[in-house]
């Protein structure tokens, strides 16, 4: 999902969420909202066919761990995680 301010919201399978600014890549920084919205999962990364850009989830996580300004990781609370898996 891409927000109006062009922030890319990437939900991970473990419940965490990455908030990614297009400034993470020169190609994404120049992309329109429509181009950013056309995104495909590659399993270990994501692909934007309209701007021919592939980026890895691992790279996003490493940037977030370093406190990079373009990527933020939101951890799901343990309580929310438990509720999400409760049947």
Protein backbone atom coordinates (compact mmCIF):
# COMPACT_ATOMS: atom_id res chain seq x y z
CA UNK A 1 0.00 0.00 0.00
CA UNK A 2 1.18 3.54 -0.74
CA UNK A 3 -0.11 6.54 1.18
CA UNK A 4 -0.77 9.94 -0.39
CA UNK A 5 2.51 11.27 0.96
CA UNK A 6 4.14 8.43 -1.03
CA UNK A 7 5.12 6.45 2.09
CA UNK A 8 5.22 2.77 1.16
CA UNK A 9 3.64 0.52 3.80
CA UNK A 10 4.94 -3.03 3.66
CA UNK A 11 3.39 -5.61 6.00
CA UNK A 12 5.68 -8.52 6.91
CA UNK A 13 4.49 -12.07 7.54
CA UNK A 14 5.58 -11.89 11.20
CA UNK A 15 3.22 -8.98 11.91
CA UNK A 16 5.78 -6.19 11.72
CA UNK A 17 5.31 -3.28 9.34
CA UNK A 18 7.90 -1.32 7.38
CA UNK A 19 7.27 2.32 6.51
CA UNK A 20 9.47 3.19 3.55
CA UNK A 21 10.07 6.64 2.10
CA UNK A 22 10.70 6.75 -1.65
CA UNK A 23 14.00 8.51 -0.92
CA UNK A 24 15.38 5.03 -0.14
CA UNK A 25 16.10 4.80 -3.88
CA UNK A 26 16.70 7.40 -6.59
CA UNK A 27 14.26 5.59 -8.90
CA UNK A 28 11.53 5.48 -6.29
CA UNK A 29 12.14 9.12 -5.36
CA UNK A 30 11.33 10.14 -8.95
CA UNK A 31 8.29 7.84 -9.22
CA UNK A 32 4.71 9.02 -9.28
CA UNK A 33 2.14 7.77 -6.78
CA UNK A 34 0.71 5.52 -9.48
CA UNK A 35 4.13 4.02 -10.26
CA UNK A 36 4.82 3.43 -6.57
CA UNK A 37 1.46 1.71 -6.17
CA UNK A 38 2.32 -0.83 -8.88
CA UNK A 39 4.45 -3.10 -6.71
CA UNK A 40 4.96 -6.87 -6.71
CA UNK A 41 6.30 -9.24 -4.09
CA UNK A 42 9.42 -11.21 -4.97
CA UNK A 43 9.37 -13.36 -1.83
CA UNK A 44 12.56 -11.89 -0.38
CA UNK A 45 11.92 -8.42 -1.73
CA UNK A 46 9.70 -6.16 -3.76
CA UNK A 47 9.66 -5.08 -7.40
CA UNK A 48 8.34 -1.88 -8.97
CA UNK A 49 8.00 -2.75 -12.68
CA UNK A 50 7.12 0.78 -13.80
CA UNK A 51 10.45 2.13 -12.55
CA UNK A 52 12.44 -1.13 -12.90
CA UNK A 53 13.47 -1.25 -9.24
CA UNK A 54 13.99 -4.30 -7.00
CA UNK A 55 14.75 -3.93 -3.30
CA UNK A 56 15.17 -6.58 -0.61
CA UNK A 57 13.26 -6.79 2.65
CA UNK A 58 16.57 -7.63 4.33
CA UNK A 59 18.02 -4.33 3.13
CA UNK A 60 15.00 -2.45 4.51
CA UNK A 61 15.37 -4.21 7.88
CA UNK A 62 19.09 -3.39 8.01
CA UNK A 63 18.39 0.28 7.27
CA UNK A 64 15.71 0.38 9.96
CA UNK A 65 18.11 -1.21 12.49
CA UNK A 66 20.72 1.46 11.71
CA UNK A 67 18.15 4.19 12.22
CA UNK A 68 18.20 5.23 8.59
CA UNK A 69 15.88 8.15 7.79
CA UNK A 70 14.14 6.40 4.89
CA UNK A 71 12.91 3.21 6.60
CA UNK A 72 11.06 2.72 9.88
CA UNK A 73 10.10 -0.62 11.42
CA UNK A 74 6.96 -0.86 13.53
CA UNK A 75 6.96 -3.82 15.89
CA UNK A 76 3.61 -5.36 16.73
CA UNK A 77 3.11 -5.66 20.46
CA UNK A 78 3.23 -9.14 22.00
CA UNK A 79 -0.38 -8.75 23.14
CA UNK A 80 -1.57 -7.78 19.64
CA UNK A 81 0.44 -10.64 18.15
CA UNK A 82 -1.20 -13.12 20.55
CA UNK A 83 -4.66 -11.79 19.75
CA UNK A 84 -3.98 -12.02 16.01
CA UNK A 85 -3.18 -15.73 16.27
CA UNK A 86 -5.86 -16.66 18.80
CA UNK A 87 -8.71 -18.73 17.40
